[in-house]
């Protein structure tokens, strides 16, 4: 009887060992799968962070270039307005439209000669080309529309 008792005990230890190994194997597989999943998730998060940083850097570079471009435009427009104001002897400008190289200038004056003088000055100036009087209306004042282009 003693021998069978030991065999049953050995069989029980064998089953416990087998089930323990199976549980360990399943636990190992689950943990390694979880580890792989978390590593992929971490890589995706790092890639998203890297992408966000790149977008932020691109945005800041674009913002700086736009600021520089706006500063250049401000200087250009201030020079253009200064130049036009130096021509504005007894002229009143109503609107100034700048579309790329084309400039449309609308204004009014009491004397027609002032419009002719402005056209001559714009034609003689090195900054402008093809100054044309597109429209003139006579009333209390002479309303005019001049189109020119930048060189």
Foldseek 3Di string as FASTA:
>chain_A
DVVVVVVVVVVVVVVVVVVVVVVVVVVVVVVVVVVVVVVVVVVVVVVVVVVVVVVVVVVVVVVVVVVVVVVVVVVVVVVVVVVVVVLQDQKAWDDWDDDPFKIKTKTWGADPVSVVSSQVVQCPDQQKHDWDWPDWDDDNIIITIIMIGGD
